Amino acid sequence: GGGWDLHHYANRNEQPTNARKFMSKTQKEWALLRSHLPPGIFVCVFEDRADLLQAVIKGPLGTPYSNGLFFFDIQLPSDYPDVPPRVYYHAHGDRLNPNLYENGKVCLSLLGTWAGSSVESWDPKKSSILQVLVSIQGLILVPEPYYNEPSYEQYRGTEEGELSSKQYNESAFLLTLQSVLASCRSPPQHFAGLASQHYRETGGEILEVCRGRLAAAKEESEAEKSDGSEGAASLGFALSLERLIPKLEAALSKQ
């Protein structure tokens, strides 16, 4: 049905270059999404705007994005499937991943927006929306996103790399919590029920993880001080987390 007026691409209404080809591919896409969506990915389509979709991806466990919800607006351009879809990420003004920009840009070789070493590019005959969503879930929302930055992979396994990755993960974790607050307060309209149910089910776990990490960061800060180092990094993380927890408790209790 309707309700696509708040979609990022709502006003970009393009007529398909080849209507038959476009509709044939779109119907196949919808069928693929209905039958093959993996756990943690949800999609909403609009019958009266076949070019628009919305998706939400749950942050995978074992990553700094765990239990967060990540919302995307998708548009199939007029010459789809000869060109990849447009994808916009609802960033809440934060850069919590090298591939997800504050302005909503999603960097992925499959979308033609990432010039990394990956050879995976859009193939009009084989590529799909499903493949794009699974790539975001599996290649972007990863356990150590720091190494997604071009050329940072070379630091994997080094002391400098491990420290930078740890600090990046702490920042990504805090920004994910900020996004939890934002999606508790104003989730996209078509996913309001899903978001509310998700946070009712995971709210206790989110807060438990926060309290555990706060205690660990405080301990680490004390240990760093006794070593003669400042302990500033762990302390900064602890202070930020301490400020966020009461806000999260309030927002999650209203779900």
Protein backbone atom coordinates (compact mmCIF):
# COMPACT_ATOMS: atom_id res chain seq x y z
CA GLY A 1 0.00 0.00 0.00
CA GLY A 2 0.94 3.67 0.41
CA GLY A 3 2.81 5.34 3.23
CA TRP A 4 5.97 5.86 1.23
CA ASP A 5 5.84 9.67 1.52
CA LEU A 6 8.61 9.71 4.18
CA HIS A 7 10.89 7.49 2.09
CA HIS A 8 14.21 9.19 1.25
CA TYR A 9 13.59 8.74 -2.49
CA ALA A 10 9.82 9.49 -2.42
CA ASN A 11 10.14 12.60 -4.60
CA ARG A 12 12.47 10.96 -7.09
CA ASN A 13 9.74 9.33 -9.15
CA GLU A 14 11.28 7.98 -12.35
CA GLN A 15 9.47 6.04 -15.05
CA PRO A 16 11.21 2.78 -15.99
CA THR A 17 13.13 2.91 -19.27
CA ASN A 18 11.81 -0.56 -20.10
CA ALA A 19 8.60 -1.09 -18.11
CA ARG A 20 8.22 -4.80 -18.91
CA LYS A 21 11.83 -5.62 -18.00
CA PHE A 22 11.61 -3.49 -14.85
CA MET A 23 8.39 -5.13 -13.61
CA SER A 24 9.62 -8.63 -14.45
CA LYS A 25 12.80 -8.07 -12.42
CA THR A 26 10.87 -6.39 -9.58
CA GLN A 27 8.45 -9.33 -9.27
CA LYS A 28 11.41 -11.73 -9.14
CA GLU A 29 13.07 -9.54 -6.49
CA TRP A 30 9.95 -9.55 -4.32
CA ALA A 31 9.58 -13.34 -4.63
CA LEU A 32 13.26 -13.81 -3.70
CA LEU A 33 12.88 -11.57 -0.66
CA ARG A 34 9.72 -13.39 0.44
CA SER A 35 11.36 -16.82 0.30
CA HIS A 36 15.04 -16.24 1.11
CA LEU A 37 15.42 -13.40 3.63
CA PRO A 38 17.84 -14.58 6.34
CA PRO A 39 17.13 -14.02 10.05
CA GLY A 40 17.70 -10.42 11.12
CA ILE A 41 16.66 -8.74 7.85
CA PHE A 42 13.15 -7.34 7.23
CA VAL A 43 11.81 -5.63 4.12
CA CYS A 44 8.76 -3.50 3.31
CA VAL A 45 7.60 -2.96 -0.30
CA PHE A 46 5.02 -0.52 -1.70
CA GLU A 47 2.57 -1.83 -4.29
CA ASP A 48 1.84 1.62 -5.69
CA ARG A 49 5.55 2.54 -5.88
CA ALA A 50 7.27 -0.60 -7.16
CA ASP A 51 10.58 1.29 -7.28
CA LEU A 52 10.72 1.83 -3.49
CA LEU A 53 11.58 -0.54 -0.64
CA GLN A 54 12.57 -0.13 2.99
CA ALA A 55 14.72 -2.53 4.99
CA VAL A 56 15.86 -2.99 8.56
CA ILE A 57 18.87 -5.08 9.53
CA LYS A 58 19.48 -6.23 13.10
CA GLY A 59 23.08 -5.75 14.24
CA PRO A 60 24.67 -9.23 14.28
CA LEU A 61 25.74 -10.74 17.60
CA GLY A 62 29.48 -10.64 18.27
CA THR A 63 29.84 -7.19 16.66
CA PRO A 64 29.77 -3.67 18.16
CA TYR A 65 26.40 -3.34 16.39
CA SER A 66 24.76 -6.22 18.27
CA ASN A 67 21.03 -5.68 18.95
CA GLY A 68 20.96 -2.32 17.15
CA LEU A 69 18.51 -1.75 14.29
CA PHE A 70 19.81 -0.27 11.04
CA PHE A 71 17.29 1.25 8.62
CA PHE A 72 17.72 1.63 4.85
CA ASP A 73 15.65 3.21 2.06
CA ILE A 74 16.11 1.62 -1.36
CA GLN A 75 15.13 2.78 -4.83
CA LEU A 76 15.29 0.88 -8.10
CA PRO A 77 16.41 3.43 -10.75
CA SER A 78 14.59 3.83 -14.08
CA ASP A 79 17.14 1.65 -15.91
CA TYR A 80 17.15 -1.07 -13.24
CA PRO A 81 18.40 -3.86 -13.33
CA ASP A 82 21.06 -2.61 -15.75
CA VAL A 83 22.34 -0.41 -12.91
CA PRO A 84 22.43 -1.17 -9.16
CA PRO A 85 19.79 0.13 -6.74
CA ARG A 86 20.21 3.34 -4.77
CA VAL A 87 20.53 2.74 -1.03
CA TYR A 88 20.25 5.35 1.72
CA TYR A 89 21.18 4.64 5.35
CA HIS A 90 19.36 6.46 8.17
CA ALA A 91 22.49 7.58 10.00
CA HIS A 92 21.14 9.93 12.70
CA GLY A 93 24.15 12.12 11.86
CA ASP A 94 26.72 9.57 13.05
CA ARG A 95 29.47 7.62 11.27
CA LEU A 96 29.51 4.29 13.07
CA ASN A 97 31.13 2.29 10.28
CA PRO A 98 33.69 2.98 7.51
CA ASN A 99 31.07 1.96 4.91
CA LEU A 100 28.08 3.87 6.35
CA TYR A 101 28.39 7.65 6.06
CA GLU A 102 26.72 10.40 8.12
CA ASN A 103 25.02 11.64 4.93
CA GLY A 104 23.39 8.24 4.36
CA LYS A 105 25.79 6.95 1.71
CA VAL A 106 26.34 3.18 1.75
CA CYS A 107 29.75 2.17 0.40
CA LEU A 108 29.59 -1.27 -1.17
CA SER A 109 31.31 -2.55 -4.31
CA LEU A 110 28.04 -4.23 -5.33
CA LEU A 111 26.42 -0.76 -5.46
CA GLY A 112 29.34 0.78 -7.34
CA THR A 113 30.02 3.09 -4.37
CA TRP A 114 33.14 1.39 -2.97
CA ALA A 115 36.46 1.16 -4.76
CA GLY A 116 37.97 -1.44 -2.44
CA SER A 117 39.81 -4.55 -3.56
CA SER A 118 36.61 -6.59 -3.80
CA VAL A 119 35.74 -7.81 -7.28
CA GLU A 120 32.03 -8.11 -6.47
CA SER A 121 30.28 -5.67 -8.77
CA TRP A 122 26.67 -5.39 -9.92
CA ASP A 123 25.62 -8.00 -12.49
CA PRO A 124 22.21 -7.19 -14.07
CA LYS A 125 21.54 -10.90 -14.65
CA LYS A 126 22.54 -12.27 -11.23
CA SER A 127 22.67 -9.50 -8.62
CA SER A 128 19.67 -8.72 -6.40
CA ILE A 129 18.36 -6.58 -3.54
CA LEU A 130 18.68 -9.67 -1.35
CA GLN A 131 22.40 -9.87 -2.19
CA VAL A 132 22.83 -6.18 -1.31
CA LEU A 133 21.13 -6.62 2.09
CA VAL A 134 23.07 -9.79 2.92
CA SER A 135 26.30 -7.97 1.97
CA ILE A 136 25.49 -5.09 4.33
CA GLN A 137 24.75 -7.58 7.11
CA GLY A 138 27.80 -9.78 6.49
CA LEU A 139 30.47 -7.46 5.02
CA ILE A 140 29.74 -4.12 6.72
CA LEU A 141 28.26 -4.94 10.17
CA VAL A 142 31.31 -7.02 11.13
CA PRO A 143 33.13 -7.79 14.42
CA GLU A 144 36.11 -5.51 13.60
CA PRO A 145 34.88 -2.74 11.27
CA TYR A 146 38.11 -0.72 11.67
CA TYR A 147 39.76 -3.03 9.13
CA ASN A 148 37.07 -2.20 6.55
CA GLU A 149 38.89 1.10 5.98
CA PRO A 150 40.94 0.87 2.78
CA SER A 151 44.60 0.01 3.57
CA TYR A 152 43.93 -0.65 7.29
CA GLU A 153 43.78 -4.41 6.74
CA GLN A 154 47.62 -4.38 6.68
CA TYR A 155 47.63 -3.47 10.40
CA ARG A 156 45.66 -6.57 11.40
CA GLY A 157 47.66 -8.58 13.93
CA THR A 158 49.89 -5.63 14.92
CA GLU A 159 49.77 -4.01 18.35
CA GLU A 160 48.90 -0.65 16.79
CA GLY A 161 46.13 -2.22 14.71
CA GLU A 162 44.62 -4.10 17.65
CA LEU A 163 44.53 -0.94 19.79
CA SER A 164 43.01 1.15 16.98
CA SER A 165 40.43 -1.57 16.28
CA LYS A 166 39.48 -1.78 19.97
CA GLN A 167 39.01 2.00 20.17
CA TYR A 168 37.02 2.01 16.93
CA ASN A 169 34.77 -0.73 18.32
CA GLU A 170 34.16 1.26 21.51
CA SER A 171 33.15 4.27 19.44
CA ALA A 172 30.95 2.10 17.16
CA PHE A 173 29.31 0.54 20.24
CA LEU A 174 28.50 3.99 21.71
CA LEU A 175 27.13 5.24 18.37
CA THR A 176 25.02 2.09 18.04
CA LEU A 177 23.54 2.86 21.47
CA GLN A 178 22.77 6.40 20.23
CA SER A 179 21.00 4.84 17.24
CA VAL A 180 19.05 2.58 19.64
CA LEU A 181 17.85 5.73 21.43
CA ALA A 182 16.88 7.34 18.11
CA SER A 183 14.97 4.29 16.86
CA CYS A 184 13.21 3.89 20.23
CA ARG A 185 12.00 7.48 20.00
CA SER A 186 11.15 7.72 16.31
CA PRO A 187 11.43 4.53 14.24
CA PRO A 188 10.47 4.63 10.53
CA GLN A 189 6.67 4.33 10.39
CA HIS A 190 6.53 0.90 8.73
CA PHE A 191 8.91 -0.62 11.27
CA ALA A 192 7.54 1.01 14.44
CA GLY A 193 5.91 -2.23 15.65
CA LEU A 194 8.96 -4.31 14.80
CA ALA A 195 11.30 -1.87 16.58
CA SER A 196 9.11 -1.76 19.68
CA GLN A 197 8.91 -5.57 19.87
CA HIS A 198 12.65 -5.92 19.22
CA TYR A 199 13.56 -3.57 22.07
CA ARG A 200 11.05 -5.18 24.44
CA GLU A 201 12.79 -8.50 23.78
CA THR A 202 16.40 -7.26 23.82
CA GLY A 203 16.24 -4.24 26.17
CA GLY A 204 17.33 -6.21 29.23
CA GLU A 205 20.25 -7.74 27.35
CA ILE A 206 21.33 -4.36 25.92
CA LEU A 207 21.42 -2.82 29.42
CA GLU A 208 23.19 -5.85 30.90
CA VAL A 209 25.92 -5.62 28.23
CA CYS A 210 26.25 -1.86 28.88
CA ARG A 211 26.67 -2.34 32.64
CA GLY A 212 29.17 -5.16 32.12
CA ARG A 213 31.24 -3.09 29.70
CA LEU A 214 31.08 -0.07 32.02
CA ALA A 215 32.46 -2.09 34.94
CA ALA A 216 35.20 -3.57 32.71
CA ALA A 217 36.18 -0.14 31.32
CA LYS A 218 36.46 1.32 34.83
CA GLU A 219 38.67 -1.59 35.90
CA GLU A 220 40.80 -1.17 32.79
CA SER A 221 41.15 2.56 33.43
CA GLU A 222 42.36 1.90 36.99
CA ALA A 223 44.81 -0.74 35.74
CA GLU A 224 46.16 1.67 33.10
CA LYS A 225 46.67 4.36 35.75
CA SER A 226 48.62 1.97 37.98
CA ASP A 227 50.78 1.09 34.96
CA GLY A 228 51.71 4.74 34.72
CA SER A 229 49.67 5.40 31.56
CA GLU A 230 46.81 7.87 31.68
CA GLY A 231 43.90 5.46 31.30
CA ALA A 232 42.19 8.19 29.28
CA ALA A 233 40.79 5.98 26.50
CA SER A 234 39.05 3.53 28.84
CA LEU A 235 37.93 6.36 31.12
CA GLY A 236 36.45 8.31 28.21
CA PHE A 237 34.52 5.23 27.08
CA ALA A 238 33.32 4.62 30.66
CA LEU A 239 32.14 8.21 31.12
CA SER A 240 30.26 8.20 27.80
CA LEU A 241 28.62 4.89 28.67
CA GLU A 242 27.71 6.11 32.15
CA ARG A 243 25.89 9.09 30.63
CA LEU A 244 24.05 6.92 28.10
CA ILE A 245 22.77 4.16 30.39
CA PRO A 246 20.05 6.23 32.19
CA LYS A 247 18.80 7.52 28.82
CA LEU A 248 18.65 3.96 27.48
CA GLU A 249 16.85 2.73 30.61
CA ALA A 250 14.21 5.44 30.15
CA ALA A 251 13.76 4.87 26.40
CA LEU A 252 13.70 1.06 26.60
CA SER A 253 11.21 1.06 29.49
CA LYS A 254 8.67 2.82 27.23
CA GLN A 255 8.68 0.11 24.55
